[in-house]
Amino acid sequence: MYHQELDSASTIVRRAGEIALQYWRTGLEAQTKADASPVTIADQAAERAIVEWLEEAYPQDGLLGEEGASKPGSSGRRWIIDPIDGTRDFLRGNRAWGVLIGLEEAGEVVAGAVYLPALDELYTARKGGGAFCNGEPIRVSSIASPQQAVICVNGINTLLEYPFALDLLRSLDRYWSVRSMGGCLDAMLLARGQADVWIEPAGKAWDFAPLKIIIEEAGGRWFNFDGAASIHGGNCVAVTPLLETEARRLIRLY
């Protein structure tokens, strides 16, 4: 199932990535949104293109996009769009940004595609079909010890609002390495076995939709700080299975 939808998402993130890449190579200015996050004409142009292509291919499906796309649809399905995840990196000329599209059905993400244009890496997954990078299967690591693990902690500037924050930070010295490369990049490093824990304290559905299914289809686990497992929880932990108990302890779920 979802073969055609995943093919469409893969094609569209590549096309939108080419649009964004043209702006990234020349540089541009940003505006500040109400939530203090930046937005550029590249974000807006990429989202408009994605919406146009999706509406042409799947006119009955709903839409939800970071830059304002919203359509209820009549099929019970919804495409969730982040035209540029990592706009701050995009603005500074860093490579850690991507185009994200996920397909949600009955509240569950069933297919997703992530394209990192500056790295030319395409990550894809559909429910029950495994996860891939540029067409090659990927899998999370089998690391079971923090002393051998890479932990990625994003949003350190917002982490302190959580009661477990100081304990978490004190625990980081037990890990082999600590990284904070950016949401979609850290998540894909985990999915391909190059990182082992990813903690993200703040995010929306469009930040998470394709990441969740790619990580899960690569064999990883996903949960929110309250123990749920949703892209709508506002935060997430993703982890290789052998470190799940350890990761749950970090955020005081155990």
Foldseek 3Di string as FASTA:
>chain_A
DCPVVQVLQQVLQVVLLVLLVVCLVVADDWDADPVRDTDDVSQVVSVVSSVVSCCVVPVQEFEAEPVDGTDHGDPQKYKYWRSKAPVVCSRVSHQPIWTKIFMDHPQATAWIWIARNVVRWIWIDGVPPAIDIPRHGAAAAPDQFQQAFEEEEEPLVPQVVAPLNVVLVVPNVSHVYYHHRGQPVVLVCRLRHNGFKYWWQFDALNSPRNSLRSSVSNQKDKAALVGHHHSHRGIMMIGHVSCVVVVNVSSPVD
